[in-house]
Amino acid sequence: MKYTKLLILSMCLNLFMNPLSAAEQPATDLKAGQTMYNQLCIACHASGINGAPKLGVKDDWAELLTFGEDTLYQAVINGPNHMYSKGGSALESEAMIRNIVAYMMNSATDDSNRASVNSASEADKARHLRLNNGYKVYDMICFTCHNTGEAGAPMIGVPSAWDDRIALGLDGLTKSVVEGKSHMYIRAGSADYSEADFKSVVEYMISTIE
């Protein structure tokens, strides 16, 4: 009995550390996805609060559908924009989260846009996840200054504020954040984030003026 329990535990840990590839994933269950959507997701995705893509609204999903199920699943795990990781429900399994994602994608998919699903390049999918992470970190530690231009901070979404900075490029601007610049503290005053996180923040901020 003890050996059997250890074997099961070992198999579970292996699955956690080495998740199934897309080809190995079991078929998603749209009915189960709908049930869990109604329990966990409806509060934001029925109304579109904080920019959440609304269920069944194709315009809201036009770009998201191109990233495909795997990328959107990973976005939910990380917690995009204002959404908590796993939608605030840490106990849901990978299969159940995939069911919810598939259900929501399916609600906005028909013959007119089916060909666009999962059509984005791998580079664009990776960038989507980086920008999601960048926004989340920005919203935690950067918005106070960069939303208002306080102490000369370049404001997001204002191209002219970046004229003298954009030439530094992504790496140069990230270095400025990590080392501190002008009135900005080293690492924006936070030791909680990696250099990769700060790089994603800079990439997000640049994306607002493109």
N, C-alpha and C. Protein backbone atom coordinates (compact mmCIF):
# COMPACT_ATOMS: atom_id res chain seq x y z
N MET A 1 0.83 -1.20 0.00
CA MET A 1 0.00 0.00 0.00
C MET A 1 0.87 1.26 0.00
N LYS A 2 1.91 1.25 0.88
CA LYS A 2 2.80 2.40 0.96
C LYS A 2 3.49 2.63 -0.38
N TYR A 3 3.91 1.53 -1.04
CA TYR A 3 4.58 1.64 -2.34
C TYR A 3 3.63 2.22 -3.37
N THR A 4 2.36 1.79 -3.35
CA THR A 4 1.38 2.27 -4.31
C THR A 4 1.16 3.77 -4.16
N LYS A 5 1.07 4.24 -2.90
CA LYS A 5 0.88 5.67 -2.67
C LYS A 5 2.07 6.48 -3.17
N LEU A 6 3.26 5.94 -2.92
CA LEU A 6 4.47 6.64 -3.38
C LEU A 6 4.52 6.68 -4.90
N LEU A 7 4.09 5.61 -5.55
CA LEU A 7 4.09 5.56 -7.02
C LEU A 7 3.12 6.58 -7.58
N ILE A 8 1.93 6.67 -6.98
CA ILE A 8 0.94 7.64 -7.45
C ILE A 8 1.45 9.05 -7.25
N LEU A 9 2.07 9.31 -6.07
CA LEU A 9 2.61 10.63 -5.80
C LEU A 9 3.69 10.98 -6.81
N SER A 10 4.55 10.00 -7.13
CA SER A 10 5.62 10.23 -8.09
C SER A 10 5.07 10.56 -9.46
N MET A 11 4.02 9.86 -9.87
CA MET A 11 3.40 10.11 -11.18
C MET A 11 2.78 11.50 -11.22
N CYS A 12 2.13 11.92 -10.12
CA CYS A 12 1.52 13.24 -10.08
C CYS A 12 2.56 14.34 -10.15
N LEU A 13 3.66 14.16 -9.42
CA LEU A 13 4.73 15.15 -9.44
C LEU A 13 5.35 15.25 -10.82
N ASN A 14 5.51 14.11 -11.49
CA ASN A 14 6.08 14.11 -12.83
C ASN A 14 5.18 14.84 -13.80
N LEU A 15 3.87 14.69 -13.66
CA LEU A 15 2.93 15.38 -14.54
C LEU A 15 2.97 16.88 -14.29
N PHE A 16 3.13 17.24 -12.99
CA PHE A 16 3.20 18.66 -12.66
C PHE A 16 4.45 19.30 -13.23
N MET A 17 5.59 18.61 -13.11
CA MET A 17 6.86 19.15 -13.57
C MET A 17 7.00 19.07 -15.08
N ASN A 18 6.29 18.12 -15.70
CA ASN A 18 6.40 17.92 -17.15
C ASN A 18 5.00 17.84 -17.75
N PRO A 19 4.32 18.97 -17.91
CA PRO A 19 2.95 18.97 -18.43
C PRO A 19 2.88 18.38 -19.82
N LEU A 20 1.70 17.88 -20.15
CA LEU A 20 1.50 17.23 -21.43
C LEU A 20 1.70 18.21 -22.57
N SER A 21 2.24 17.70 -23.67
CA SER A 21 2.37 18.52 -24.87
C SER A 21 0.99 18.71 -25.47
N ALA A 22 0.91 19.65 -26.41
CA ALA A 22 -0.38 19.93 -27.04
C ALA A 22 -0.96 18.67 -27.69
N ALA A 23 -0.08 17.86 -28.30
CA ALA A 23 -0.55 16.65 -28.97
C ALA A 23 -1.08 15.62 -27.98
N GLU A 24 -0.57 15.67 -26.73
CA GLU A 24 -0.97 14.69 -25.72
C GLU A 24 -2.15 15.14 -24.89
N GLN A 25 -2.57 16.39 -25.03
CA GLN A 25 -3.65 16.91 -24.21
C GLN A 25 -4.96 16.18 -24.54
N PRO A 26 -5.73 15.83 -23.51
CA PRO A 26 -7.04 15.23 -23.78
C PRO A 26 -7.97 16.25 -24.41
N ALA A 27 -8.99 15.77 -25.12
CA ALA A 27 -9.94 16.67 -25.76
C ALA A 27 -10.64 17.51 -24.70
N THR A 28 -10.84 18.78 -25.01
CA THR A 28 -11.49 19.66 -24.04
C THR A 28 -12.98 19.36 -23.98
N ASP A 29 -13.58 19.64 -22.84
CA ASP A 29 -14.99 19.39 -22.58
C ASP A 29 -15.69 20.75 -22.46
N LEU A 30 -16.38 21.15 -23.52
CA LEU A 30 -16.99 22.48 -23.55
C LEU A 30 -18.10 22.62 -22.50
N LYS A 31 -18.83 21.55 -22.25
CA LYS A 31 -19.90 21.61 -21.25
C LYS A 31 -19.31 21.84 -19.86
N ALA A 32 -18.24 21.12 -19.55
CA ALA A 32 -17.57 21.33 -18.26
C ALA A 32 -16.99 22.74 -18.19
N GLY A 33 -16.47 23.22 -19.32
CA GLY A 33 -15.93 24.58 -19.37
C GLY A 33 -17.01 25.61 -19.09
N GLN A 34 -18.19 25.40 -19.65
CA GLN A 34 -19.30 26.33 -19.41
C GLN A 34 -19.68 26.35 -17.93
N THR A 35 -19.72 25.19 -17.32
CA THR A 35 -20.08 25.10 -15.90
C THR A 35 -19.09 25.88 -15.04
N MET A 36 -17.81 25.68 -15.30
CA MET A 36 -16.79 26.37 -14.50
C MET A 36 -16.74 27.86 -14.84
N TYR A 37 -16.98 28.20 -16.08
CA TYR A 37 -17.07 29.62 -16.47
C TYR A 37 -18.14 30.32 -15.63
N ASN A 38 -19.30 29.68 -15.51
CA ASN A 38 -20.41 30.27 -14.77
C ASN A 38 -20.09 30.42 -13.28
N GLN A 39 -19.17 29.59 -12.79
CA GLN A 39 -18.80 29.66 -11.38
C GLN A 39 -17.68 30.66 -11.12
N LEU A 40 -16.72 30.74 -12.06
CA LEU A 40 -15.49 31.48 -11.78
C LEU A 40 -15.28 32.76 -12.60
N CYS A 41 -15.83 32.79 -13.81
CA CYS A 41 -15.41 33.80 -14.78
C CYS A 41 -16.49 34.81 -15.17
N ILE A 42 -17.73 34.46 -14.91
CA ILE A 42 -18.84 35.23 -15.46
C ILE A 42 -18.86 36.67 -14.95
N ALA A 43 -18.41 36.89 -13.73
CA ALA A 43 -18.49 38.24 -13.14
C ALA A 43 -17.78 39.28 -13.99
N CYS A 44 -16.63 38.89 -14.57
CA CYS A 44 -15.86 39.84 -15.39
C CYS A 44 -16.13 39.69 -16.88
N HIS A 45 -16.25 38.44 -17.34
CA HIS A 45 -16.31 38.21 -18.78
C HIS A 45 -17.72 38.35 -19.37
N ALA A 46 -18.73 38.49 -18.52
CA ALA A 46 -20.06 38.80 -19.04
C ALA A 46 -20.21 40.30 -19.27
N SER A 47 -19.52 41.09 -18.45
CA SER A 47 -19.66 42.55 -18.53
C SER A 47 -18.51 43.24 -19.23
N GLY A 48 -17.33 42.57 -19.27
CA GLY A 48 -16.16 43.20 -19.87
C GLY A 48 -15.43 44.13 -18.92
N ILE A 49 -15.66 43.97 -17.63
CA ILE A 49 -15.02 44.85 -16.64
C ILE A 49 -13.50 44.77 -16.75
N ASN A 50 -12.83 45.91 -16.60
CA ASN A 50 -11.37 46.01 -16.68
C ASN A 50 -10.79 45.44 -17.97
N GLY A 51 -11.58 45.51 -19.04
CA GLY A 51 -11.07 45.08 -20.34
C GLY A 51 -11.16 43.59 -20.60
N ALA A 52 -11.83 42.84 -19.73
CA ALA A 52 -11.96 41.40 -19.95
C ALA A 52 -12.74 41.15 -21.24
N PRO A 53 -12.23 40.26 -22.12
CA PRO A 53 -12.98 39.97 -23.36
C PRO A 53 -14.30 39.30 -23.03
N LYS A 54 -15.39 39.85 -23.58
CA LYS A 54 -16.72 39.36 -23.23
C LYS A 54 -17.05 38.07 -23.99
N LEU A 55 -17.70 37.20 -23.29
CA LEU A 55 -18.10 35.92 -23.86
C LEU A 55 -18.95 36.14 -25.10
N GLY A 56 -18.56 35.49 -26.20
CA GLY A 56 -19.37 35.52 -27.41
C GLY A 56 -19.24 36.77 -28.26
N VAL A 57 -18.43 37.73 -27.83
CA VAL A 57 -18.27 38.97 -28.59
C VAL A 57 -17.03 38.85 -29.48
N LYS A 58 -17.23 38.65 -30.75
CA LYS A 58 -16.11 38.34 -31.66
C LYS A 58 -15.06 39.43 -31.73
N ASP A 59 -15.49 40.67 -31.68
CA ASP A 59 -14.52 41.77 -31.75
C ASP A 59 -13.55 41.73 -30.57
N ASP A 60 -14.05 41.34 -29.41
CA ASP A 60 -13.19 41.25 -28.22
C ASP A 60 -12.16 40.14 -28.35
N TRP A 61 -12.47 39.14 -29.14
CA TRP A 61 -11.62 37.96 -29.24
C TRP A 61 -10.82 37.89 -30.54
N ALA A 62 -10.99 38.87 -31.41
CA ALA A 62 -10.39 38.80 -32.75
C ALA A 62 -8.90 38.52 -32.70
N GLU A 63 -8.16 39.27 -31.90
CA GLU A 63 -6.71 39.04 -31.81
C GLU A 63 -6.40 37.84 -30.92
N LEU A 64 -7.12 37.70 -29.83
CA LEU A 64 -6.85 36.62 -28.88
C LEU A 64 -6.97 35.25 -29.53
N LEU A 65 -7.96 35.08 -30.39
CA LEU A 65 -8.15 33.78 -31.05
C LEU A 65 -6.92 33.38 -31.86
N THR A 66 -6.22 34.36 -32.41
CA THR A 66 -5.06 34.04 -33.26
C THR A 66 -3.93 33.41 -32.44
N PHE A 67 -3.92 33.64 -31.13
CA PHE A 67 -2.85 33.09 -30.30
C PHE A 67 -3.07 31.62 -29.96
N GLY A 68 -4.29 31.14 -30.10
CA GLY A 68 -4.56 29.73 -29.88
C GLY A 68 -4.75 29.35 -28.43
N GLU A 69 -5.24 28.15 -28.24
CA GLU A 69 -5.61 27.67 -26.90
C GLU A 69 -4.41 27.58 -25.96
N ASP A 70 -3.29 27.06 -26.44
CA ASP A 70 -2.13 26.87 -25.55
C ASP A 70 -1.64 28.20 -24.98
N THR A 71 -1.55 29.22 -25.83
CA THR A 71 -1.07 30.53 -25.37
C THR A 71 -2.07 31.17 -24.42
N LEU A 72 -3.36 31.08 -24.72
CA LEU A 72 -4.37 31.68 -23.85
C LEU A 72 -4.45 30.92 -22.53
N TYR A 73 -4.25 29.61 -22.57
CA TYR A 73 -4.20 28.83 -21.33
C TYR A 73 -3.05 29.33 -20.46
N GLN A 74 -1.88 29.52 -21.05
CA GLN A 74 -0.73 29.99 -20.29
C GLN A 74 -0.98 31.39 -19.75
N ALA A 75 -1.67 32.21 -20.51
CA ALA A 75 -2.01 33.56 -20.05
C ALA A 75 -2.89 33.50 -18.81
N VAL A 76 -3.85 32.58 -18.80
CA VAL A 76 -4.73 32.43 -17.63
C VAL A 76 -3.93 31.96 -16.42
N ILE A 77 -3.01 31.03 -16.63
CA ILE A 77 -2.18 30.54 -15.52
C ILE A 77 -1.37 31.70 -14.93
N ASN A 78 -0.81 32.54 -15.79
CA ASN A 78 -0.01 33.68 -15.31
C ASN A 78 -0.88 34.78 -14.73
N GLY A 79 -2.07 34.92 -15.27
CA GLY A 79 -2.95 36.01 -14.87
C GLY A 79 -2.71 37.25 -15.71
N PRO A 80 -3.42 37.40 -16.84
CA PRO A 80 -3.18 38.56 -17.71
C PRO A 80 -3.83 39.83 -17.17
N ASN A 81 -3.17 40.95 -17.39
CA ASN A 81 -3.75 42.26 -17.07
C ASN A 81 -4.30 42.30 -15.64
N HIS A 82 -5.58 42.58 -15.47
CA HIS A 82 -6.14 42.73 -14.13
C HIS A 82 -6.61 41.39 -13.54
N MET A 83 -6.46 40.29 -14.26
CA MET A 83 -6.97 39.02 -13.77
C MET A 83 -5.94 38.31 -12.90
N TYR A 84 -6.43 37.74 -11.80
CA TYR A 84 -5.54 36.96 -10.95
C TYR A 84 -5.13 35.67 -11.66
N SER A 85 -4.01 35.10 -11.22
CA SER A 85 -3.59 33.81 -11.75
C SER A 85 -4.72 32.80 -11.60
N LYS A 86 -4.96 32.05 -12.67
CA LYS A 86 -6.03 31.05 -12.72
C LYS A 86 -7.40 31.66 -12.39
N GLY A 87 -7.56 32.94 -12.69
CA GLY A 87 -8.84 33.59 -12.42
C GLY A 87 -9.15 33.67 -10.94
N GLY A 88 -8.11 33.57 -10.09
CA GLY A 88 -8.31 33.65 -8.64
C GLY A 88 -8.68 32.34 -8.00
N SER A 89 -8.66 31.24 -8.77
CA SER A 89 -9.01 29.93 -8.23
C SER A 89 -7.83 28.99 -8.39
N ALA A 90 -6.97 28.93 -7.40
CA ALA A 90 -5.71 28.20 -7.52
C ALA A 90 -5.87 26.70 -7.54
N LEU A 91 -7.05 26.17 -7.22
CA LEU A 91 -7.21 24.73 -7.10
C LEU A 91 -7.64 24.05 -8.39
N GLU A 92 -7.98 24.85 -9.40
CA GLU A 92 -8.46 24.23 -10.64
C GLU A 92 -7.31 23.54 -11.38
N SER A 93 -7.62 22.39 -11.97
CA SER A 93 -6.62 21.60 -12.69
C SER A 93 -6.32 22.21 -14.06
N GLU A 94 -5.22 21.74 -14.67
CA GLU A 94 -4.89 22.18 -16.02
C GLU A 94 -6.02 21.84 -16.97
N ALA A 95 -6.56 20.64 -16.85
CA ALA A 95 -7.63 20.22 -17.76
C ALA A 95 -8.85 21.13 -17.64
N MET A 96 -9.19 21.51 -16.41
CA MET A 96 -10.38 22.34 -16.22
C MET A 96 -10.15 23.75 -16.76
N ILE A 97 -8.96 24.30 -16.53
CA ILE A 97 -8.67 25.63 -17.08
C ILE A 97 -8.74 25.59 -18.60
N ARG A 98 -8.21 24.53 -19.19
CA ARG A 98 -8.27 24.39 -20.65
C ARG A 98 -9.72 24.29 -21.12
N ASN A 99 -10.56 23.60 -20.36
CA ASN A 99 -11.98 23.52 -20.73
C ASN A 99 -12.62 24.90 -20.77
N ILE A 100 -12.29 25.73 -19.77
CA ILE A 100 -12.86 27.08 -19.71
C ILE A 100 -12.37 27.91 -20.90
N VAL A 101 -11.07 27.84 -21.16
CA VAL A 101 -10.50 28.60 -22.29
C VAL A 101 -11.14 28.17 -23.60
N ALA A 102 -11.26 26.85 -23.79
CA ALA A 102 -11.85 26.34 -25.03
C ALA A 102 -13.31 26.78 -25.16
N TYR A 103 -14.04 26.75 -24.06
CA TYR A 103 -15.45 27.18 -24.09
C TYR A 103 -15.57 28.65 -24.48
N MET A 104 -14.73 29.49 -23.89
CA MET A 104 -14.80 30.92 -24.18
C MET A 104 -14.36 31.21 -25.62
N MET A 105 -13.30 30.55 -26.07
CA MET A 105 -12.88 30.72 -27.46
C MET A 105 -13.98 30.29 -28.41
N ASN A 106 -14.60 29.15 -28.11
CA ASN A 106 -15.64 28.62 -28.98
C ASN A 106 -16.83 29.56 -29.07
N SER A 107 -17.10 30.29 -27.97
CA SER A 107 -18.25 31.20 -27.95
C SER A 107 -18.09 32.34 -28.96
N ALA A 108 -16.85 32.62 -29.34
CA ALA A 108 -16.59 33.74 -30.26
C ALA A 108 -16.08 33.26 -31.61
N THR A 109 -16.23 31.98 -31.88
CA THR A 109 -15.71 31.40 -33.12
C THR A 109 -16.84 30.88 -34.00
N ASP A 110 -16.82 31.23 -35.26
CA ASP A 110 -17.76 30.67 -36.22
C ASP A 110 -17.04 30.54 -37.56
N ASP A 111 -17.78 30.24 -38.61
CA ASP A 111 -17.16 30.00 -39.91
C ASP A 111 -16.42 31.23 -40.45
N SER A 112 -16.83 32.41 -39.98
CA SER A 112 -16.22 33.64 -40.52
C SER A 112 -14.82 33.90 -39.97
N ASN A 113 -14.49 33.32 -38.83
CA ASN A 113 -13.17 33.60 -38.24
C ASN A 113 -12.42 32.34 -37.80
N ARG A 114 -12.97 31.18 -38.10
CA ARG A 114 -12.35 29.93 -37.65
C ARG A 114 -10.92 29.77 -38.16
N ALA A 115 -10.66 30.24 -39.36
CA ALA A 115 -9.33 30.09 -39.96
C ALA A 115 -8.26 30.89 -39.21
N SER A 116 -8.69 31.89 -38.47
CA SER A 116 -7.73 32.75 -37.76
C SER A 116 -7.24 32.13 -36.46
N VAL A 117 -7.96 31.13 -35.97
CA VAL A 117 -7.62 30.53 -34.67
C VAL A 117 -6.22 29.90 -34.75
N ASN A 118 -5.37 30.28 -33.80
CA ASN A 118 -4.00 29.75 -33.70
C ASN A 118 -3.14 30.08 -34.93
N SER A 119 -3.43 31.21 -35.57
CA SER A 119 -2.71 31.56 -36.79
C SER A 119 -1.50 32.45 -36.53
N ALA A 120 -1.35 32.97 -35.32
CA ALA A 120 -0.22 33.85 -35.00
C ALA A 120 1.09 33.08 -35.02
N SER A 121 2.17 33.78 -35.30
CA SER A 121 3.50 33.15 -35.27
C SER A 121 3.90 32.85 -33.84
N GLU A 122 4.87 31.95 -33.68
CA GLU A 122 5.36 31.63 -32.34
C GLU A 122 5.95 32.87 -31.67
N ALA A 123 6.60 33.72 -32.46
CA ALA A 123 7.18 34.95 -31.92
C ALA A 123 6.09 35.87 -31.37
N ASP A 124 4.97 35.99 -32.10
CA ASP A 124 3.88 36.85 -31.64
C ASP A 124 3.20 36.27 -30.41
N LYS A 125 3.11 34.96 -30.33
CA LYS A 125 2.52 34.32 -29.15
C LYS A 125 3.38 34.59 -27.92
N ALA A 126 4.68 34.45 -28.09
CA ALA A 126 5.61 34.70 -26.97
C ALA A 126 5.54 36.17 -26.55
N ARG A 127 5.46 37.07 -27.52
CA ARG A 127 5.38 38.50 -27.21
C ARG A 127 4.08 38.81 -26.45
N HIS A 128 3.00 38.17 -26.84
CA HIS A 128 1.73 38.37 -26.15
C HIS A 128 1.87 38.05 -24.66
N LEU A 129 2.52 36.96 -24.34
CA LEU A 129 2.70 36.58 -22.94
C LEU A 129 3.63 37.55 -22.21
N ARG A 130 4.67 38.01 -22.91
CA ARG A 130 5.57 38.98 -22.27
C ARG A 130 4.85 40.29 -21.98
N LEU A 131 4.04 40.75 -22.92
CA LEU A 131 3.32 42.01 -22.72
C LEU A 131 2.30 41.88 -21.59
N ASN A 132 1.66 40.71 -21.49
CA ASN A 132 0.75 40.48 -20.38
C ASN A 132 1.48 40.60 -19.05
N ASN A 133 2.65 39.97 -18.98
CA ASN A 133 3.44 40.03 -17.76
C ASN A 133 3.91 41.46 -17.49
N GLY A 134 4.35 42.13 -18.54
CA GLY A 134 4.82 43.51 -18.41
C GLY A 134 3.73 44.43 -17.87
N TYR A 135 2.53 44.27 -18.39
CA TYR A 135 1.42 45.10 -17.91
C TYR A 135 1.15 44.83 -16.44
N LYS A 136 1.16 43.55 -16.05
CA LYS A 136 0.85 43.19 -14.67
C LYS A 136 1.86 43.81 -13.71
N VAL A 137 3.16 43.72 -14.05
CA VAL A 137 4.18 44.30 -13.19
C VAL A 137 4.07 45.83 -13.20
N TYR A 138 3.85 46.40 -14.39
CA TYR A 138 3.67 47.86 -14.50
C TYR A 138 2.55 48.32 -13.58
N ASP A 139 1.46 47.58 -13.57
CA ASP A 139 0.29 47.97 -12.79
C ASP A 139 0.53 47.83 -11.29
N MET A 140 1.58 47.10 -10.93
CA MET A 140 1.92 46.93 -9.52
C MET A 140 2.86 48.03 -9.01
N ILE A 141 3.87 48.40 -9.82
CA ILE A 141 4.92 49.26 -9.27
C ILE A 141 5.28 50.49 -10.10
N CYS A 142 4.74 50.61 -11.32
CA CYS A 142 5.20 51.68 -12.21
C CYS A 142 4.16 52.76 -12.50
N PHE A 143 2.89 52.42 -12.32
CA PHE A 143 1.83 53.30 -12.82
C PHE A 143 1.80 54.65 -12.13
N THR A 144 2.18 54.70 -10.86
CA THR A 144 2.08 55.95 -10.11
C THR A 144 2.80 57.09 -10.82
N CYS A 145 4.00 56.81 -11.31
CA CYS A 145 4.79 57.86 -11.99
C CYS A 145 4.53 57.91 -13.49
N HIS A 146 4.43 56.74 -14.12
CA HIS A 146 4.38 56.71 -15.58
C HIS A 146 2.98 56.94 -16.14
N ASN A 147 1.96 56.91 -15.30
CA ASN A 147 0.61 57.31 -15.76
C ASN A 147 0.46 58.83 -15.75
N THR A 148 1.27 59.49 -14.91
CA THR A 148 1.09 60.94 -14.70
C THR A 148 2.26 61.78 -15.18
N GLY A 149 3.43 61.14 -15.37
CA GLY A 149 4.61 61.90 -15.73
C GLY A 149 5.30 62.53 -14.53
N GLU A 150 4.99 62.02 -13.36
CA GLU A 150 5.56 62.58 -12.13
C GLU A 150 7.09 62.54 -12.16
N ALA A 151 7.71 63.60 -11.72
CA ALA A 151 9.18 63.72 -11.64
C ALA A 151 9.85 63.47 -12.99
N GLY A 152 9.14 63.79 -14.06
CA GLY A 152 9.72 63.65 -15.39
C GLY A 152 9.67 62.26 -15.98
N ALA A 153 8.95 61.35 -15.34
CA ALA A 153 8.83 59.99 -15.89
C ALA A 153 8.10 60.02 -17.22
N PRO A 154 8.62 59.32 -18.24
CA PRO A 154 7.93 59.29 -19.53
C PRO A 154 6.58 58.59 -19.42
N MET A 155 5.54 59.25 -19.86
CA MET A 155 4.20 58.69 -19.72
C MET A 155 3.93 57.63 -20.79
N ILE A 156 3.23 56.58 -20.40
CA ILE A 156 2.86 55.57 -21.38
C ILE A 156 1.85 56.17 -22.34
N GLY A 157 1.93 55.72 -23.57
CA GLY A 157 0.98 56.17 -24.58
C GLY A 157 1.25 57.56 -25.14
N VAL A 158 2.35 58.19 -24.73
CA VAL A 158 2.68 59.55 -25.21
C VAL A 158 4.00 59.48 -25.98
N PRO A 159 3.96 59.36 -27.29
CA PRO A 159 5.19 59.18 -28.08
C PRO A 159 6.24 60.25 -27.83
N SER A 160 5.82 61.50 -27.70
CA SER A 160 6.80 62.58 -27.54
C SER A 160 7.60 62.45 -26.25
N ALA A 161 7.03 61.77 -25.25
CA ALA A 161 7.73 61.60 -23.98
C ALA A 161 8.89 60.62 -24.10
N TRP A 162 8.92 59.88 -25.19
CA TRP A 162 9.94 58.85 -25.37
C TRP A 162 10.95 59.20 -26.45
N ASP A 163 10.83 60.38 -27.03
CA ASP A 163 11.71 60.76 -28.16
C ASP A 163 13.18 60.60 -27.83
N ASP A 164 13.60 61.02 -26.64
CA ASP A 164 15.02 60.97 -26.28
C ASP A 164 15.43 59.65 -25.66
N ARG A 165 14.49 58.75 -25.53
CA ARG A 165 14.78 57.49 -24.83
C ARG A 165 14.72 56.28 -25.74
N ILE A 166 13.86 56.32 -26.73
CA ILE A 166 13.59 55.14 -27.54
C ILE A 166 14.84 54.64 -28.26
N ALA A 167 15.78 55.54 -28.54
CA ALA A 167 17.01 55.14 -29.24
C ALA A 167 17.87 54.20 -28.41
N LEU A 168 17.65 54.18 -27.09
CA LEU A 168 18.41 53.27 -26.23
C LEU A 168 18.04 51.81 -26.49
N GLY A 169 16.87 51.59 -27.04
CA GLY A 169 16.43 50.24 -27.34
C GLY A 169 15.95 49.52 -26.08
N LEU A 170 15.41 48.33 -26.28
CA LEU A 170 14.83 47.56 -25.18
C LEU A 170 15.86 47.24 -24.10
N ASP A 171 17.06 46.80 -24.53
CA ASP A 171 18.08 46.44 -23.55
C ASP A 171 18.59 47.65 -22.79
N GLY A 172 18.80 48.75 -23.49
CA GLY A 172 19.30 49.96 -22.84
C GLY A 172 18.31 50.51 -21.83
N LEU A 173 17.03 50.53 -22.19
CA LEU A 173 16.01 51.03 -21.28
C LEU A 173 15.84 50.11 -20.07
N THR A 174 15.96 48.81 -20.31
CA THR A 174 15.88 47.86 -19.19
C THR A 174 17.04 48.09 -18.22
N LYS A 175 18.22 48.35 -18.76
CA LYS A 175 19.39 48.63 -17.92
C LYS A 175 19.14 49.86 -17.06
N SER A 176 18.49 50.87 -17.62
CA SER A 176 18.18 52.08 -16.86
C SER A 176 17.27 51.77 -15.67
N VAL A 177 16.31 50.88 -15.90
CA VAL A 177 15.39 50.51 -14.82
C VAL A 177 16.14 49.73 -13.73
N VAL A 178 16.93 48.77 -14.15
CA VAL A 178 17.64 47.92 -13.19
C VAL A 178 18.65 48.72 -12.37
N GLU A 179 19.32 49.65 -13.01
CA GLU A 179 20.36 50.43 -12.33
C GLU A 179 19.81 51.70 -11.67
N GLY A 180 18.61 52.11 -12.07
CA GLY A 180 18.03 53.34 -11.54
C GLY A 180 18.44 54.53 -12.39
N LYS A 181 17.53 55.49 -12.53
CA LYS A 181 17.82 56.65 -13.38
C LYS A 181 17.06 57.86 -12.88
N SER A 182 17.76 59.00 -12.82
CA SER A 182 17.13 60.25 -12.38
C SER A 182 16.42 60.03 -11.04
N HIS A 183 15.10 60.26 -11.01
CA HIS A 183 14.36 60.12 -9.76
C HIS A 183 13.88 58.70 -9.51
N MET A 184 14.16 57.79 -10.42
CA MET A 184 13.69 56.42 -10.27
C MET A 184 14.69 55.59 -9.46
N TYR A 185 14.17 54.89 -8.47
CA TYR A 185 15.03 54.04 -7.66
C TYR A 185 15.55 52.85 -8.47
N ILE A 186 16.64 52.23 -7.99
CA ILE A 186 17.13 51.00 -8.59
C ILE A 186 16.00 49.96 -8.60
N ARG A 187 15.84 49.30 -9.74
CA ARG A 187 14.79 48.29 -9.94
C ARG A 187 13.42 48.85 -9.56
N ALA A 188 13.24 50.13 -9.85
CA ALA A 188 11.96 50.82 -9.58
C ALA A 188 11.56 50.70 -8.11
N GLY A 189 12.55 50.50 -7.25
CA GLY A 189 12.28 50.42 -5.82
C GLY A 189 11.73 49.09 -5.35
N SER A 190 11.79 48.07 -6.20
CA SER A 190 11.24 46.76 -5.84
C SER A 190 12.24 45.65 -6.11
N ALA A 191 12.48 44.83 -5.10
CA ALA A 191 13.38 43.69 -5.25
C ALA A 191 12.62 42.40 -5.57
N ASP A 192 11.33 42.53 -5.84
CA ASP A 192 10.47 41.36 -6.01
C ASP A 192 10.45 40.81 -7.44
N TYR A 193 11.07 41.54 -8.37
CA TYR A 193 10.95 41.15 -9.77
C TYR A 193 12.31 40.94 -10.41
N SER A 194 12.35 40.03 -11.37
CA SER A 194 13.59 39.70 -12.07
C SER A 194 13.89 40.72 -13.16
N GLU A 195 15.09 40.64 -13.69
CA GLU A 195 15.44 41.52 -14.80
C GLU A 195 14.54 41.23 -16.00
N ALA A 196 14.19 39.95 -16.18
CA ALA A 196 13.28 39.60 -17.29
C ALA A 196 11.91 40.26 -17.10
N ASP A 197 11.46 40.34 -15.85
CA ASP A 197 10.19 41.01 -15.58
C ASP A 197 10.27 42.49 -15.96
N PHE A 198 11.38 43.14 -15.57
CA PHE A 198 11.52 44.56 -15.89
C PHE A 198 11.63 44.76 -17.41
N LYS A 199 12.26 43.82 -18.07
CA LYS A 199 12.36 43.92 -19.53
C LYS A 199 10.97 43.83 -20.16
N SER A 200 10.13 42.96 -19.61
CA SER A 200 8.77 42.85 -20.14
C SER A 200 7.97 44.12 -19.86
N VAL A 201 8.25 44.79 -18.73
CA VAL A 201 7.59 46.06 -18.44
C VAL A 201 7.97 47.10 -19.48
N VAL A 202 9.28 47.20 -19.76
CA VAL A 202 9.75 48.16 -20.76
C VAL A 202 9.13 47.85 -22.12
N GLU A 203 9.08 46.58 -22.48
CA GLU A 203 8.49 46.19 -23.76
C GLU A 203 7.01 46.59 -23.81
N TYR A 204 6.32 46.39 -22.70
CA TYR A 204 4.91 46.80 -22.64
C TYR A 204 4.78 48.31 -22.82
N MET A 205 5.62 49.07 -22.11
CA MET A 205 5.52 50.53 -22.19
C MET A 205 5.81 51.03 -23.61
N ILE A 206 6.80 50.44 -24.25
CA ILE A 206 7.11 50.82 -25.63
C ILE A 206 5.93 50.50 -26.55
N SER A 207 5.27 49.36 -26.26
CA SER A 207 4.15 48.94 -27.12
C SER A 207 3.01 49.96 -27.10
N THR A 208 2.92 50.77 -26.04
CA THR A 208 1.82 51.75 -25.96
C THR A 208 2.04 52.95 -26.86
N ILE A 209 3.23 53.08 -27.42
CA ILE A 209 3.48 54.22 -28.33
C ILE A 209 3.73 53.76 -29.76
N GLU A 210 3.58 52.48 -30.00
CA GLU A 210 3.81 51.95 -31.36
C GLU A 210 2.58 52.16 -32.24
